[in-house]
Amino acid sequence: MADFDQELDASGLNCPLPILRAKKTLASMEAGQVLHIIATDPGSVKDFEAFSKQTGNELLESKEEGGKFLFLIKKK
């Protein structure tokens, strides 16, 4: 797991809440910082891919581990 600056635990939240929380958290972060997101909604995989394309923030990592979906997003 790469280094990250902030962590957002969106476990138990369904679409679109993980994205909205991530958006809010990223807004308070500096460019180049990395946000680690933990989600349990399987839909969040596609959601974060689309979110990254739309916002220009870089999706560094997207993986599943023990029923949780882990993402690393680098703020543009």
Protein backbone atom coordinates (compact mmCIF):
# COMPACT_ATOMS: atom_id res chain seq x y z
CA MET A 1 0.00 0.00 0.00
CA ALA A 2 1.40 3.35 -1.04
CA ASP A 3 1.74 6.27 1.33
CA PHE A 4 -1.24 8.55 1.72
CA ASP A 5 -1.97 11.86 3.42
CA GLN A 6 -5.54 11.35 4.55
CA GLU A 7 -7.92 8.44 5.00
CA LEU A 8 -11.65 8.33 4.44
CA ASP A 9 -13.61 5.36 5.77
CA ALA A 10 -16.82 5.17 3.74
CA SER A 11 -17.66 1.61 4.88
CA GLY A 12 -21.39 0.94 5.02
CA LEU A 13 -22.21 3.93 2.82
CA ASN A 14 -23.93 3.42 -0.50
CA CYS A 15 -23.59 5.34 -3.73
CA PRO A 16 -23.29 8.31 -4.05
CA LEU A 17 -22.15 8.94 -0.47
CA PRO A 18 -18.57 7.57 -0.79
CA ILE A 19 -18.01 9.85 -3.80
CA LEU A 20 -19.54 12.88 -2.09
CA ARG A 21 -17.44 12.35 1.03
CA ALA A 22 -14.31 11.86 -1.09
CA LYS A 23 -15.07 15.03 -3.04
CA LYS A 24 -15.47 17.00 0.19
CA THR A 25 -12.29 15.56 1.71
CA LEU A 26 -10.26 16.20 -1.46
CA ALA A 27 -11.47 19.82 -1.48
CA SER A 28 -9.67 20.38 1.83
CA MET A 29 -6.44 18.75 0.63
CA GLU A 30 -3.43 20.18 -1.20
CA ALA A 31 -2.63 19.34 -4.82
CA GLY A 32 -0.43 16.24 -5.00
CA GLN A 33 -1.72 14.80 -1.73
CA VAL A 34 -3.17 11.29 -1.71
CA LEU A 35 -6.50 10.24 -0.23
CA HIS A 36 -7.03 6.62 0.84
CA ILE A 37 -10.67 5.57 0.67
CA ILE A 38 -12.21 2.45 2.19
CA ALA A 39 -15.64 1.51 0.86
CA THR A 40 -17.92 -1.52 1.05
CA ASP A 41 -20.24 -0.64 -1.86
CA PRO A 42 -19.24 -2.72 -4.94
CA GLY A 43 -20.59 0.09 -7.12
CA SER A 44 -17.90 2.38 -5.80
CA VAL A 45 -15.31 0.75 -8.11
CA LYS A 46 -16.98 2.15 -11.23
CA ASP A 47 -17.96 5.31 -9.37
CA PHE A 48 -14.39 6.22 -8.45
CA GLU A 49 -13.15 5.43 -11.97
CA ALA A 50 -15.74 7.83 -13.39
CA PHE A 51 -15.07 10.38 -10.63
CA SER A 52 -11.35 10.41 -11.48
CA LYS A 53 -12.02 10.90 -15.19
CA GLN A 54 -14.51 13.70 -14.53
CA THR A 55 -12.42 15.59 -11.96
CA GLY A 56 -8.92 14.94 -13.28
CA ASN A 57 -7.83 13.55 -9.91
CA GLU A 58 -5.62 10.51 -10.45
CA LEU A 59 -6.85 7.09 -9.35
CA LEU A 60 -3.56 5.53 -8.26
CA GLU A 61 -5.01 2.30 -6.97
CA SER A 62 -8.28 0.43 -6.88
CA LYS A 63 -8.45 -3.00 -5.26
CA GLU A 64 -10.62 -5.32 -3.25
CA GLU A 65 -9.41 -6.77 0.02
CA GLY A 66 -11.56 -8.91 2.28
CA GLY A 67 -14.86 -7.54 1.01
CA LYS A 68 -13.68 -3.95 1.19
CA PHE A 69 -12.81 -1.76 -1.75
CA LEU A 70 -9.68 0.35 -1.35
CA PHE A 71 -8.82 3.37 -3.44
CA LEU A 72 -5.95 5.80 -3.60
CA ILE A 73 -6.72 9.11 -5.28
CA LYS A 74 -4.12 11.79 -5.91
CA LYS A 75 -5.46 15.32 -5.95
CA LYS A 76 -4.63 17.19 -9.14
